[in-house]
């Protein structure tokens, strides 16, 4: 199942791929900030949506 992680504030795609990655790995990959808007990323998911791939 593919995974897509986006910034809640600006919609920037932080990760997209077939491999499921934990939040801390994605956060570390971007040095704790969204590359699109600079918002501080959190390890605790605040708003999670699960949608089927079309």
N, C-alpha and C. Protein backbone atom coordinates (compact mmCIF):
# COMPACT_ATOMS: atom_id res chain seq x y z
N UNK A 1 0.85 -1.17 0.00
CA UNK A 1 0.00 0.00 0.00
C UNK A 1 0.91 1.25 0.00
N UNK A 2 0.75 2.12 -0.96
CA UNK A 2 1.55 3.34 -1.01
C UNK A 2 1.24 4.28 0.16
N UNK A 3 2.21 5.09 0.49
CA UNK A 3 2.06 6.06 1.58
C UNK A 3 2.42 7.44 1.03
N UNK A 4 1.61 8.44 1.42
CA UNK A 4 1.91 9.82 1.09
C UNK A 4 1.74 10.64 2.36
N UNK A 5 2.76 11.41 2.70
CA UNK A 5 2.73 12.27 3.88
C UNK A 5 2.85 13.70 3.38
N UNK A 6 1.86 14.54 3.75
CA UNK A 6 1.87 15.94 3.31
C UNK A 6 1.82 16.88 4.50
N UNK A 7 2.33 18.08 4.31
CA UNK A 7 2.27 19.11 5.33
C UNK A 7 0.84 19.58 5.48
N UNK A 8 0.36 19.65 6.70
CA UNK A 8 -1.01 20.07 6.97
C UNK A 8 -1.21 21.54 6.59
N UNK A 9 -0.16 22.33 6.70
CA UNK A 9 -0.29 23.77 6.46
C UNK A 9 -0.26 24.14 4.98
N UNK A 10 0.73 23.61 4.23
CA UNK A 10 0.88 24.06 2.84
C UNK A 10 0.62 22.97 1.80
N UNK A 11 0.50 21.71 2.25
CA UNK A 11 0.23 20.61 1.32
C UNK A 11 1.46 20.05 0.62
N UNK A 12 2.64 20.51 1.00
CA UNK A 12 3.89 20.02 0.42
C UNK A 12 4.01 18.51 0.70
N UNK A 13 4.38 17.73 -0.31
CA UNK A 13 4.55 16.29 -0.13
C UNK A 13 5.89 16.04 0.57
N UNK A 14 5.83 15.51 1.79
CA UNK A 14 7.03 15.23 2.57
C UNK A 14 7.59 13.85 2.25
N UNK A 15 6.71 12.92 1.91
CA UNK A 15 7.15 11.58 1.52
C UNK A 15 6.05 10.94 0.69
N UNK A 16 6.47 10.21 -0.35
CA UNK A 16 5.54 9.43 -1.15
C UNK A 16 6.28 8.22 -1.66
N UNK A 17 5.74 7.04 -1.39
CA UNK A 17 6.39 5.82 -1.85
C UNK A 17 5.65 4.57 -1.42
N UNK A 18 6.10 3.45 -1.95
CA UNK A 18 5.47 2.17 -1.66
C UNK A 18 5.84 1.65 -0.28
N UNK A 19 7.00 2.06 0.22
CA UNK A 19 7.46 1.61 1.54
C UNK A 19 6.83 2.47 2.64
N UNK A 20 6.31 1.83 3.67
CA UNK A 20 5.75 2.56 4.82
C UNK A 20 6.90 3.03 5.70
N UNK A 21 6.99 4.35 5.90
CA UNK A 21 8.05 4.91 6.74
C UNK A 21 7.44 5.48 8.02
N UNK A 22 8.13 5.33 9.15
CA UNK A 22 7.63 5.89 10.40
C UNK A 22 7.80 7.42 10.40
N UNK A 23 6.94 8.12 11.17
CA UNK A 23 7.00 9.58 11.21
C UNK A 23 8.37 10.14 11.59
N UNK A 24 9.08 9.49 12.53
CA UNK A 24 10.38 10.03 12.94
C UNK A 24 11.41 10.00 11.82
N UNK A 25 11.33 9.02 10.94
CA UNK A 25 12.25 8.94 9.81
C UNK A 25 11.96 10.06 8.80
N UNK A 26 10.70 10.33 8.55
CA UNK A 26 10.31 11.41 7.63
C UNK A 26 10.70 12.76 8.22
N UNK A 27 10.47 12.95 9.52
CA UNK A 27 10.84 14.19 10.20
C UNK A 27 12.35 14.42 10.10
N UNK A 28 13.14 13.38 10.37
CA UNK A 28 14.59 13.48 10.32
C UNK A 28 15.07 13.82 8.90
N UNK A 29 14.40 13.27 7.92
CA UNK A 29 14.75 13.49 6.51
C UNK A 29 14.66 14.97 6.14
N UNK A 30 13.77 15.71 6.81
CA UNK A 30 13.55 17.13 6.50
C UNK A 30 14.04 18.05 7.62
N UNK A 31 14.89 17.53 8.51
CA UNK A 31 15.45 18.31 9.62
C UNK A 31 14.38 18.97 10.49
N UNK A 32 13.22 18.31 10.62
CA UNK A 32 12.18 18.77 11.53
C UNK A 32 11.32 19.92 11.02
N UNK A 33 11.54 20.35 9.75
CA UNK A 33 10.74 21.45 9.20
C UNK A 33 10.25 21.12 7.81
N UNK A 34 9.08 21.63 7.48
CA UNK A 34 8.53 21.45 6.14
C UNK A 34 9.39 22.24 5.15
N UNK A 35 9.84 21.61 4.06
CA UNK A 35 10.65 22.33 3.08
C UNK A 35 9.84 23.37 2.30
N UNK A 36 8.52 23.24 2.32
CA UNK A 36 7.67 24.17 1.58
C UNK A 36 7.39 25.46 2.33
N UNK A 37 7.01 25.34 3.61
CA UNK A 37 6.58 26.53 4.36
C UNK A 37 7.39 26.78 5.63
N UNK A 38 8.24 25.83 6.02
CA UNK A 38 9.07 26.01 7.21
C UNK A 38 8.39 25.66 8.52
N UNK A 39 7.16 25.15 8.47
CA UNK A 39 6.44 24.77 9.69
C UNK A 39 7.19 23.65 10.40
N UNK A 40 7.26 23.73 11.73
CA UNK A 40 7.89 22.68 12.53
C UNK A 40 7.03 21.42 12.43
N UNK A 41 7.66 20.31 12.12
CA UNK A 41 6.95 19.03 12.00
C UNK A 41 6.90 18.35 13.35
N UNK A 42 5.81 17.63 13.59
CA UNK A 42 5.60 16.95 14.86
C UNK A 42 5.66 15.44 14.67
N UNK A 43 6.17 14.74 15.69
CA UNK A 43 6.18 13.28 15.65
C UNK A 43 4.80 12.70 15.90
N UNK A 44 3.94 13.48 16.54
CA UNK A 44 2.59 13.03 16.85
C UNK A 44 1.66 13.48 15.72
N UNK A 45 1.10 12.53 14.97
CA UNK A 45 0.18 12.90 13.90
C UNK A 45 -1.06 13.60 14.47
N UNK A 46 -1.38 14.76 13.94
CA UNK A 46 -2.52 15.53 14.43
C UNK A 46 -3.75 15.25 13.58
N UNK A 47 -3.57 15.23 12.28
CA UNK A 47 -4.70 15.04 11.37
C UNK A 47 -4.30 13.95 10.37
N UNK A 48 -4.89 12.78 10.50
CA UNK A 48 -4.55 11.66 9.63
C UNK A 48 -5.76 11.30 8.78
N UNK A 49 -5.53 11.22 7.47
CA UNK A 49 -6.59 10.79 6.55
C UNK A 49 -6.07 9.57 5.82
N UNK A 50 -6.89 8.56 5.73
CA UNK A 50 -6.55 7.35 4.98
C UNK A 50 -7.51 7.28 3.80
N UNK A 51 -6.93 7.32 2.59
CA UNK A 51 -7.75 7.33 1.38
C UNK A 51 -7.27 6.23 0.44
N UNK A 52 -8.19 5.63 -0.30
CA UNK A 52 -7.77 4.63 -1.28
C UNK A 52 -7.08 5.29 -2.46
N UNK A 53 -6.13 4.59 -3.05
CA UNK A 53 -5.44 5.09 -4.22
C UNK A 53 -6.34 4.88 -5.43
N UNK A 54 -6.42 5.89 -6.27
CA UNK A 54 -7.28 5.80 -7.46
C UNK A 54 -6.49 5.36 -8.66
